[in-house]
Amino acid sequence: MLHFLDSQDYLLVTVVIDKKSHIERYGAAAYHPYHYCLAVLLERYCGFLNHFHAQGDVMAESRGRREDQQLRAAYHRVYENGTYFHEAEFFQRVLTSKEIKLKPKSANSAGLQLADLLAYPCKQEILAAERKIEDPGDVFGKEVGRRIEAKYNRHYLDGRVWGYGKVLLE
């Protein structure tokens, strides 16, 4: 697994939200945490695609009928209206579909399986780095983190990862 993570060509963006802090800070005006993370993730992904004049697709794991409808609506809002930081054209220029693709876990999609495997170690690394949790010690997830560090999206001029490949929302 570690050799696979080292040897594959991929770009990684991890967005983590501290839901408790977000709700405490914004109260009734707080964004839906999953949809907020989607918008921030799309900004980074589409920024990468725009920089390289490329196009890409978006797929997520199905979470249930109601949740899927909400996620489709959240994606559609970003695609059609943009975000606070980017106009709709920023997304439309590079995304190949107006609709997010949703697959159930039973579809056994390789990309979604890899995302599942990386999600927890990536989240733990960000939370520990920002002192939101204690350092977990010498665990396998830390070795995963070391192996994927070079795969994170970075600022194209100065190589910064924070804000580009690693994001913590509060």
N, C-alpha and C. Protein backbone atom coordinates (compact mmCIF):
# COMPACT_ATOMS: atom_id res chain seq x y z
N MET A 1 0.83 -1.19 0.00
CA MET A 1 0.00 0.00 0.00
C MET A 1 0.88 1.26 0.00
N LEU A 2 1.90 1.27 0.84
CA LEU A 2 2.77 2.44 0.91
C LEU A 2 3.50 2.67 -0.42
N HIS A 3 3.96 1.60 -1.04
CA HIS A 3 4.60 1.72 -2.35
C HIS A 3 3.60 2.27 -3.38
N PHE A 4 2.38 1.80 -3.34
CA PHE A 4 1.33 2.30 -4.24
C PHE A 4 1.14 3.80 -4.05
N LEU A 5 1.03 4.25 -2.80
CA LEU A 5 0.83 5.67 -2.54
C LEU A 5 1.99 6.51 -3.05
N ASP A 6 3.21 5.98 -2.93
CA ASP A 6 4.40 6.67 -3.44
C ASP A 6 4.43 6.75 -4.96
N SER A 7 4.09 5.65 -5.59
CA SER A 7 4.36 5.51 -7.02
C SER A 7 3.28 6.06 -7.95
N GLN A 8 2.09 6.27 -7.47
CA GLN A 8 1.01 6.72 -8.35
C GLN A 8 1.08 8.23 -8.59
N ASP A 9 0.54 8.65 -9.72
CA ASP A 9 0.49 10.07 -10.09
C ASP A 9 -0.89 10.61 -9.74
N TYR A 10 -0.97 11.40 -8.70
CA TYR A 10 -2.24 12.00 -8.29
C TYR A 10 -1.96 13.28 -7.52
N LEU A 11 -2.97 14.08 -7.39
CA LEU A 11 -2.90 15.33 -6.64
C LEU A 11 -3.88 15.21 -5.48
N LEU A 12 -3.49 15.68 -4.33
CA LEU A 12 -4.30 15.52 -3.14
C LEU A 12 -4.69 16.88 -2.56
N VAL A 13 -5.96 17.02 -2.22
CA VAL A 13 -6.47 18.17 -1.48
C VAL A 13 -7.31 17.62 -0.35
N THR A 14 -7.00 18.05 0.87
CA THR A 14 -7.76 17.62 2.04
C THR A 14 -8.39 18.85 2.68
N VAL A 15 -9.69 18.81 2.84
CA VAL A 15 -10.43 19.88 3.51
C VAL A 15 -11.08 19.28 4.75
N VAL A 16 -10.76 19.86 5.90
CA VAL A 16 -11.29 19.41 7.19
C VAL A 16 -12.04 20.58 7.79
N ILE A 17 -13.19 20.30 8.39
CA ILE A 17 -13.93 21.36 9.07
C ILE A 17 -14.11 20.99 10.54
N ASP A 18 -13.85 21.98 11.38
CA ASP A 18 -14.14 21.84 12.81
C ASP A 18 -15.59 22.30 12.97
N LYS A 19 -16.51 21.34 12.92
CA LYS A 19 -17.94 21.68 12.93
C LYS A 19 -18.34 22.45 14.18
N LYS A 20 -17.82 22.05 15.31
CA LYS A 20 -18.18 22.72 16.58
C LYS A 20 -17.76 24.19 16.53
N SER A 21 -16.53 24.47 16.14
CA SER A 21 -16.06 25.86 16.05
C SER A 21 -16.85 26.64 15.02
N HIS A 22 -17.16 26.01 13.91
CA HIS A 22 -17.90 26.68 12.84
C HIS A 22 -19.29 27.09 13.32
N ILE A 23 -19.97 26.18 13.99
CA ILE A 23 -21.32 26.48 14.49
C ILE A 23 -21.26 27.53 15.59
N GLU A 24 -20.27 27.42 16.48
CA GLU A 24 -20.14 28.41 17.55
C GLU A 24 -19.86 29.79 16.97
N ARG A 25 -19.06 29.87 15.93
CA ARG A 25 -18.68 31.15 15.34
C ARG A 25 -19.82 31.77 14.54
N TYR A 26 -20.55 30.96 13.76
CA TYR A 26 -21.53 31.51 12.83
C TYR A 26 -22.98 31.27 13.22
N GLY A 27 -23.23 30.40 14.18
CA GLY A 27 -24.59 30.15 14.65
C GLY A 27 -25.52 29.75 13.51
N ALA A 28 -26.67 30.39 13.43
CA ALA A 28 -27.67 30.06 12.41
C ALA A 28 -27.17 30.35 11.01
N ALA A 29 -26.16 31.20 10.86
CA ALA A 29 -25.61 31.53 9.54
C ALA A 29 -24.54 30.54 9.09
N ALA A 30 -24.25 29.53 9.91
CA ALA A 30 -23.21 28.55 9.56
C ALA A 30 -23.61 27.79 8.30
N TYR A 31 -22.62 27.52 7.49
CA TYR A 31 -22.83 26.71 6.29
C TYR A 31 -23.05 25.26 6.69
N HIS A 32 -23.73 24.50 5.83
CA HIS A 32 -23.79 23.05 6.00
C HIS A 32 -22.35 22.56 5.86
N PRO A 33 -21.80 21.86 6.84
CA PRO A 33 -20.38 21.53 6.81
C PRO A 33 -19.94 20.72 5.59
N TYR A 34 -20.72 19.76 5.17
CA TYR A 34 -20.34 18.93 4.02
C TYR A 34 -20.34 19.76 2.74
N HIS A 35 -21.32 20.63 2.61
CA HIS A 35 -21.43 21.45 1.40
C HIS A 35 -20.37 22.55 1.37
N TYR A 36 -20.04 23.08 2.54
CA TYR A 36 -18.98 24.08 2.65
C TYR A 36 -17.65 23.45 2.22
N CYS A 37 -17.38 22.26 2.73
CA CYS A 37 -16.15 21.56 2.35
C CYS A 37 -16.12 21.28 0.84
N LEU A 38 -17.26 20.90 0.28
CA LEU A 38 -17.32 20.66 -1.17
C LEU A 38 -16.95 21.92 -1.94
N ALA A 39 -17.50 23.07 -1.55
CA ALA A 39 -17.21 24.32 -2.26
C ALA A 39 -15.72 24.66 -2.17
N VAL A 40 -15.14 24.52 -0.99
CA VAL A 40 -13.72 24.82 -0.80
C VAL A 40 -12.86 23.84 -1.59
N LEU A 41 -13.24 22.58 -1.60
CA LEU A 41 -12.52 21.57 -2.37
C LEU A 41 -12.60 21.88 -3.86
N LEU A 42 -13.77 22.24 -4.34
CA LEU A 42 -13.93 22.58 -5.76
C LEU A 42 -13.09 23.81 -6.14
N GLU A 43 -12.99 24.78 -5.24
CA GLU A 43 -12.15 25.95 -5.52
C GLU A 43 -10.70 25.52 -5.75
N ARG A 44 -10.18 24.63 -4.92
CA ARG A 44 -8.78 24.19 -5.08
C ARG A 44 -8.62 23.33 -6.33
N TYR A 45 -9.53 22.40 -6.52
CA TYR A 45 -9.47 21.52 -7.69
C TYR A 45 -9.55 22.32 -8.99
N CYS A 46 -10.51 23.21 -9.06
CA CYS A 46 -10.68 23.99 -10.29
C CYS A 46 -9.56 25.00 -10.46
N GLY A 47 -8.98 25.48 -9.36
CA GLY A 47 -7.80 26.35 -9.46
C GLY A 47 -6.65 25.60 -10.11
N PHE A 48 -6.44 24.37 -9.71
CA PHE A 48 -5.40 23.53 -10.31
C PHE A 48 -5.70 23.33 -11.80
N LEU A 49 -6.94 22.94 -12.10
CA LEU A 49 -7.31 22.69 -13.50
C LEU A 49 -7.15 23.95 -14.36
N ASN A 50 -7.60 25.09 -13.84
CA ASN A 50 -7.47 26.35 -14.57
C ASN A 50 -6.01 26.69 -14.83
N HIS A 51 -5.17 26.50 -13.81
CA HIS A 51 -3.74 26.81 -13.96
C HIS A 51 -3.10 26.03 -15.09
N PHE A 52 -3.49 24.78 -15.24
CA PHE A 52 -2.89 23.93 -16.26
C PHE A 52 -3.75 23.82 -17.52
N HIS A 53 -4.78 24.66 -17.63
CA HIS A 53 -5.67 24.65 -18.80
C HIS A 53 -6.17 23.23 -19.08
N ALA A 54 -6.61 22.58 -18.01
CA ALA A 54 -7.08 21.20 -18.10
C ALA A 54 -8.57 21.15 -17.72
N GLN A 55 -9.15 19.98 -17.85
CA GLN A 55 -10.53 19.77 -17.44
C GLN A 55 -10.60 18.53 -16.58
N GLY A 56 -11.62 18.47 -15.73
CA GLY A 56 -11.76 17.33 -14.86
C GLY A 56 -13.21 17.10 -14.46
N ASP A 57 -13.43 16.00 -13.81
CA ASP A 57 -14.74 15.55 -13.40
C ASP A 57 -14.77 15.46 -11.88
N VAL A 58 -15.97 15.37 -11.31
CA VAL A 58 -16.12 15.27 -9.86
C VAL A 58 -17.02 14.09 -9.54
N MET A 59 -16.53 13.23 -8.64
CA MET A 59 -17.31 12.08 -8.18
C MET A 59 -17.24 12.01 -6.67
N ALA A 60 -18.35 11.67 -6.05
CA ALA A 60 -18.41 11.49 -4.60
C ALA A 60 -19.15 10.20 -4.30
N GLU A 61 -19.00 9.76 -3.06
CA GLU A 61 -19.70 8.56 -2.64
C GLU A 61 -21.14 8.90 -2.25
N SER A 62 -22.05 8.12 -2.74
CA SER A 62 -23.47 8.27 -2.42
C SER A 62 -23.66 8.09 -0.92
N ARG A 63 -24.54 8.92 -0.31
CA ARG A 63 -24.73 8.86 1.14
C ARG A 63 -26.17 8.59 1.54
N GLY A 64 -27.06 8.47 0.57
CA GLY A 64 -28.48 8.29 0.87
C GLY A 64 -29.29 9.25 0.03
N ARG A 65 -30.54 8.94 -0.21
CA ARG A 65 -31.37 9.71 -1.13
C ARG A 65 -31.40 11.21 -0.80
N ARG A 66 -31.77 11.56 0.43
CA ARG A 66 -31.88 12.96 0.81
C ARG A 66 -30.53 13.68 0.76
N GLU A 67 -29.50 13.03 1.31
CA GLU A 67 -28.16 13.61 1.32
C GLU A 67 -27.63 13.79 -0.10
N ASP A 68 -27.91 12.82 -0.97
CA ASP A 68 -27.47 12.91 -2.36
C ASP A 68 -28.13 14.08 -3.07
N GLN A 69 -29.41 14.29 -2.85
CA GLN A 69 -30.12 15.42 -3.44
C GLN A 69 -29.52 16.73 -2.97
N GLN A 70 -29.21 16.81 -1.68
CA GLN A 70 -28.61 18.03 -1.13
C GLN A 70 -27.22 18.27 -1.70
N LEU A 71 -26.44 17.20 -1.84
CA LEU A 71 -25.10 17.33 -2.40
C LEU A 71 -25.16 17.75 -3.87
N ARG A 72 -26.07 17.17 -4.61
CA ARG A 72 -26.26 17.58 -6.01
C ARG A 72 -26.60 19.07 -6.09
N ALA A 73 -27.48 19.52 -5.21
CA ALA A 73 -27.89 20.93 -5.19
C ALA A 73 -26.70 21.83 -4.82
N ALA A 74 -25.89 21.40 -3.86
CA ALA A 74 -24.72 22.19 -3.45
C ALA A 74 -23.72 22.30 -4.60
N TYR A 75 -23.48 21.21 -5.30
CA TYR A 75 -22.58 21.22 -6.45
C TYR A 75 -23.14 22.14 -7.53
N HIS A 76 -24.43 22.00 -7.79
CA HIS A 76 -25.09 22.81 -8.83
C HIS A 76 -24.96 24.30 -8.50
N ARG A 77 -25.14 24.68 -7.22
CA ARG A 77 -25.01 26.09 -6.82
C ARG A 77 -23.62 26.62 -7.14
N VAL A 78 -22.60 25.84 -6.81
CA VAL A 78 -21.24 26.28 -7.11
C VAL A 78 -21.05 26.37 -8.62
N TYR A 79 -21.48 25.37 -9.34
CA TYR A 79 -21.31 25.35 -10.80
C TYR A 79 -22.03 26.52 -11.46
N GLU A 80 -23.24 26.81 -11.04
CA GLU A 80 -24.05 27.85 -11.68
C GLU A 80 -23.79 29.26 -11.14
N ASN A 81 -23.43 29.37 -9.85
CA ASN A 81 -23.32 30.69 -9.24
C ASN A 81 -21.92 31.06 -8.78
N GLY A 82 -21.02 30.09 -8.74
CA GLY A 82 -19.70 30.35 -8.22
C GLY A 82 -19.70 30.39 -6.70
N THR A 83 -18.63 30.94 -6.14
CA THR A 83 -18.49 31.07 -4.70
C THR A 83 -18.13 32.52 -4.39
N TYR A 84 -17.93 32.81 -3.13
CA TYR A 84 -17.53 34.15 -2.71
C TYR A 84 -16.23 34.57 -3.40
N PHE A 85 -15.34 33.61 -3.64
CA PHE A 85 -14.02 33.91 -4.19
C PHE A 85 -13.91 33.75 -5.71
N HIS A 86 -14.83 33.00 -6.32
CA HIS A 86 -14.71 32.72 -7.76
C HIS A 86 -16.06 32.78 -8.45
N GLU A 87 -16.07 33.37 -9.62
CA GLU A 87 -17.28 33.43 -10.44
C GLU A 87 -17.59 32.05 -11.01
N ALA A 88 -18.81 31.87 -11.45
CA ALA A 88 -19.24 30.58 -12.00
C ALA A 88 -18.36 30.13 -13.16
N GLU A 89 -17.91 31.06 -13.98
CA GLU A 89 -17.12 30.72 -15.16
C GLU A 89 -15.82 30.01 -14.79
N PHE A 90 -15.26 30.33 -13.63
CA PHE A 90 -14.05 29.69 -13.11
C PHE A 90 -14.25 28.17 -13.01
N PHE A 91 -15.45 27.77 -12.60
CA PHE A 91 -15.78 26.35 -12.45
C PHE A 91 -16.24 25.75 -13.78
N GLN A 92 -17.07 26.47 -14.50
CA GLN A 92 -17.64 25.97 -15.75
C GLN A 92 -16.59 25.74 -16.82
N ARG A 93 -15.53 26.55 -16.81
CA ARG A 93 -14.47 26.43 -17.81
C ARG A 93 -13.75 25.08 -17.72
N VAL A 94 -13.67 24.50 -16.50
CA VAL A 94 -12.82 23.32 -16.34
C VAL A 94 -13.56 22.04 -15.93
N LEU A 95 -14.76 22.18 -15.40
CA LEU A 95 -15.51 20.98 -15.00
C LEU A 95 -16.23 20.41 -16.22
N THR A 96 -16.13 19.11 -16.42
CA THR A 96 -16.68 18.49 -17.61
C THR A 96 -18.17 18.22 -17.51
N SER A 97 -18.75 18.40 -16.33
CA SER A 97 -20.17 18.11 -16.17
C SER A 97 -20.84 19.12 -15.25
N LYS A 98 -22.09 19.45 -15.57
CA LYS A 98 -22.89 20.31 -14.71
C LYS A 98 -23.38 19.57 -13.47
N GLU A 99 -23.26 18.26 -13.50
CA GLU A 99 -23.76 17.42 -12.41
C GLU A 99 -22.62 16.65 -11.76
N ILE A 100 -22.67 16.54 -10.44
CA ILE A 100 -21.71 15.70 -9.73
C ILE A 100 -22.10 14.24 -9.94
N LYS A 101 -21.12 13.40 -10.05
CA LYS A 101 -21.38 11.97 -10.20
C LYS A 101 -21.33 11.34 -8.81
N LEU A 102 -22.33 10.56 -8.49
CA LEU A 102 -22.40 9.88 -7.20
C LEU A 102 -22.43 8.38 -7.42
N LYS A 103 -21.59 7.69 -6.69
CA LYS A 103 -21.52 6.22 -6.79
C LYS A 103 -21.67 5.63 -5.40
N PRO A 104 -22.40 4.52 -5.29
CA PRO A 104 -22.50 3.86 -3.98
C PRO A 104 -21.20 3.13 -3.65
N LYS A 105 -20.98 2.90 -2.38
CA LYS A 105 -19.79 2.16 -1.95
C LYS A 105 -19.71 0.80 -2.65
N SER A 106 -20.88 0.20 -2.89
CA SER A 106 -20.93 -1.12 -3.54
C SER A 106 -20.39 -1.10 -4.96
N ALA A 107 -20.28 0.07 -5.59
CA ALA A 107 -19.71 0.17 -6.94
C ALA A 107 -18.20 -0.12 -6.93
N ASN A 108 -17.60 -0.05 -5.74
CA ASN A 108 -16.19 -0.37 -5.57
C ASN A 108 -15.29 0.45 -6.49
N SER A 109 -15.57 1.74 -6.60
CA SER A 109 -14.78 2.64 -7.43
C SER A 109 -13.38 2.81 -6.82
N ALA A 110 -12.35 2.59 -7.63
CA ALA A 110 -10.97 2.68 -7.13
C ALA A 110 -10.68 4.05 -6.54
N GLY A 111 -11.10 5.11 -7.21
CA GLY A 111 -10.84 6.46 -6.72
C GLY A 111 -11.52 6.73 -5.39
N LEU A 112 -12.76 6.29 -5.26
CA LEU A 112 -13.48 6.49 -4.00
C LEU A 112 -12.89 5.62 -2.89
N GLN A 113 -12.44 4.43 -3.23
CA GLN A 113 -11.80 3.57 -2.22
C GLN A 113 -10.51 4.21 -1.72
N LEU A 114 -9.72 4.78 -2.63
CA LEU A 114 -8.48 5.45 -2.24
C LEU A 114 -8.80 6.66 -1.36
N ALA A 115 -9.81 7.43 -1.73
CA ALA A 115 -10.21 8.58 -0.91
C ALA A 115 -10.60 8.13 0.49
N ASP A 116 -11.33 7.03 0.58
CA ASP A 116 -11.72 6.48 1.88
C ASP A 116 -10.49 6.10 2.72
N LEU A 117 -9.51 5.47 2.08
CA LEU A 117 -8.31 5.05 2.80
C LEU A 117 -7.48 6.23 3.30
N LEU A 118 -7.46 7.31 2.54
CA LEU A 118 -6.64 8.47 2.90
C LEU A 118 -7.34 9.46 3.82
N ALA A 119 -8.65 9.44 3.85
CA ALA A 119 -9.41 10.47 4.58
C ALA A 119 -9.01 10.57 6.05
N TYR A 120 -9.00 9.48 6.76
CA TYR A 120 -8.73 9.53 8.19
C TYR A 120 -7.29 9.97 8.50
N PRO A 121 -6.27 9.36 7.87
CA PRO A 121 -4.91 9.81 8.16
C PRO A 121 -4.69 11.29 7.80
N CYS A 122 -5.30 11.75 6.71
CA CYS A 122 -5.15 13.15 6.31
C CYS A 122 -5.82 14.08 7.33
N LYS A 123 -7.00 13.70 7.76
CA LYS A 123 -7.72 14.51 8.76
C LYS A 123 -6.91 14.57 10.05
N GLN A 124 -6.43 13.44 10.52
CA GLN A 124 -5.65 13.39 11.76
C GLN A 124 -4.41 14.27 11.66
N GLU A 125 -3.74 14.21 10.52
CA GLU A 125 -2.52 15.01 10.33
C GLU A 125 -2.82 16.50 10.43
N ILE A 126 -3.88 16.94 9.78
CA ILE A 126 -4.25 18.36 9.81
C ILE A 126 -4.66 18.79 11.22
N LEU A 127 -5.48 17.99 11.87
CA LEU A 127 -5.93 18.35 13.22
C LEU A 127 -4.77 18.36 14.21
N ALA A 128 -3.84 17.43 14.08
CA ALA A 128 -2.67 17.41 14.98
C ALA A 128 -1.76 18.61 14.70
N ALA A 129 -1.56 18.92 13.42
CA ALA A 129 -0.71 20.06 13.06
C ALA A 129 -1.27 21.38 13.59
N GLU A 130 -2.58 21.48 13.63
CA GLU A 130 -3.23 22.71 14.11
C GLU A 130 -3.58 22.63 15.60
N ARG A 131 -3.08 21.58 16.26
CA ARG A 131 -3.25 21.38 17.71
C ARG A 131 -4.71 21.32 18.14
N LYS A 132 -5.52 20.73 17.27
CA LYS A 132 -6.93 20.48 17.59
C LYS A 132 -7.08 19.13 18.29
N ILE A 133 -6.10 18.25 18.07
CA ILE A 133 -6.05 16.95 18.77
C ILE A 133 -4.60 16.72 19.19
N GLU A 134 -4.43 15.79 20.10
CA GLU A 134 -3.07 15.40 20.50
C GLU A 134 -2.42 14.59 19.39
N ASP A 135 -1.13 14.68 19.30
CA ASP A 135 -0.38 13.87 18.36
C ASP A 135 -0.66 12.40 18.67
N PRO A 136 -1.09 11.63 17.67
CA PRO A 136 -1.46 10.23 17.94
C PRO A 136 -0.28 9.30 18.20
N GLY A 137 0.93 9.79 18.09
CA GLY A 137 2.09 8.93 18.31
C GLY A 137 2.51 8.24 17.03
N ASP A 138 3.27 7.19 17.17
CA ASP A 138 3.81 6.47 16.02
C ASP A 138 2.78 5.47 15.52
N VAL A 139 1.89 5.92 14.66
CA VAL A 139 0.83 5.06 14.11
C VAL A 139 1.01 4.96 12.60
N PHE A 140 0.40 3.96 12.02
CA PHE A 140 0.52 3.72 10.58
C PHE A 140 0.06 4.95 9.77
N GLY A 141 -0.97 5.64 10.25
CA GLY A 141 -1.47 6.82 9.54
C GLY A 141 -0.41 7.89 9.36
N LYS A 142 0.52 7.99 10.30
CA LYS A 142 1.62 8.97 10.15
C LYS A 142 2.55 8.58 9.01
N GLU A 143 2.78 7.28 8.85
CA GLU A 143 3.61 6.83 7.72
C GLU A 143 2.88 7.10 6.41
N VAL A 144 1.59 6.90 6.39
CA VAL A 144 0.80 7.25 5.20
C VAL A 144 0.99 8.74 4.91
N GLY A 145 0.88 9.57 5.93
CA GLY A 145 1.06 11.01 5.77
C GLY A 145 2.41 11.37 5.18
N ARG A 146 3.46 10.70 5.65
CA ARG A 146 4.80 10.97 5.11
C ARG A 146 4.88 10.59 3.63
N ARG A 147 4.24 9.49 3.27
CA ARG A 147 4.30 9.00 1.88
C ARG A 147 3.52 9.88 0.91
N ILE A 148 2.46 10.53 1.39
CA ILE A 148 1.62 11.31 0.48
C ILE A 148 1.93 12.81 0.51
N GLU A 149 2.83 13.22 1.37
CA GLU A 149 3.13 14.66 1.52
C GLU A 149 3.46 15.31 0.17
N ALA A 150 4.22 14.64 -0.66
CA ALA A 150 4.61 15.22 -1.95
C ALA A 150 3.45 15.29 -2.94
N LYS A 151 2.34 14.64 -2.63
CA LYS A 151 1.19 14.60 -3.54
C LYS A 151 0.22 15.76 -3.32
N TYR A 152 0.42 16.54 -2.26
CA TYR A 152 -0.52 17.63 -1.97
C TYR A 152 -0.41 18.76 -2.99
N ASN A 153 -1.57 19.32 -3.31
CA ASN A 153 -1.64 20.52 -4.14
C ASN A 153 -0.83 21.63 -3.46
N ARG A 154 -0.10 22.39 -4.26
CA ARG A 154 0.76 23.45 -3.72
C ARG A 154 0.60 24.72 -4.53
N HIS A 155 0.91 25.83 -3.89
CA HIS A 155 0.94 27.11 -4.60
C HIS A 155 2.02 27.00 -5.66
N TYR A 156 1.71 27.39 -6.88
CA TYR A 156 2.64 27.14 -7.98
C TYR A 156 3.89 28.01 -7.92
N LEU A 157 3.89 29.11 -7.16
CA LEU A 157 5.08 29.95 -7.09
C LEU A 157 5.98 29.62 -5.90
N ASP A 158 5.38 29.44 -4.72
CA ASP A 158 6.22 29.26 -3.54
C ASP A 158 6.12 27.89 -2.89
N GLY A 159 5.28 26.99 -3.43
CA GLY A 159 5.20 25.63 -2.93
C GLY A 159 4.41 25.43 -1.65
N ARG A 160 3.72 26.49 -1.17
CA ARG A 160 2.92 26.36 0.06
C ARG A 160 1.84 25.30 -0.11
N VAL A 161 1.67 24.48 0.92
CA VAL A 161 0.62 23.46 0.93
C VAL A 161 -0.62 23.97 1.66
N TRP A 162 -0.42 24.65 2.81
CA TRP A 162 -1.56 25.14 3.60
C TRP A 162 -2.35 26.16 2.79
N GLY A 163 -3.63 25.92 2.71
CA GLY A 163 -4.52 26.77 1.93
C GLY A 163 -4.71 26.27 0.50
N TYR A 164 -3.86 25.36 0.08
CA TYR A 164 -3.94 24.83 -1.29
C TYR A 164 -4.24 23.33 -1.28
N GLY A 165 -3.41 22.56 -0.60
CA GLY A 165 -3.62 21.13 -0.51
C GLY A 165 -4.16 20.69 0.84
N LYS A 166 -3.95 21.52 1.85
CA LYS A 166 -4.45 21.25 3.20
C LYS A 166 -5.21 22.48 3.67
N VAL A 167 -6.45 22.25 4.05
CA VAL A 167 -7.31 23.35 4.48
C VAL A 167 -8.05 22.93 5.75
N LEU A 168 -8.03 23.81 6.74
CA LEU A 168 -8.83 23.60 7.95
C LEU A 168 -9.83 24.75 8.03
N LEU A 169 -11.10 24.41 8.02
CA LEU A 169 -12.17 25.39 8.13
C LEU A 169 -12.69 25.39 9.57
N GLU A 170 -13.01 26.57 10.05
CA GLU A 170 -13.57 26.67 11.39
C GLU A 170 -14.80 27.54 11.36
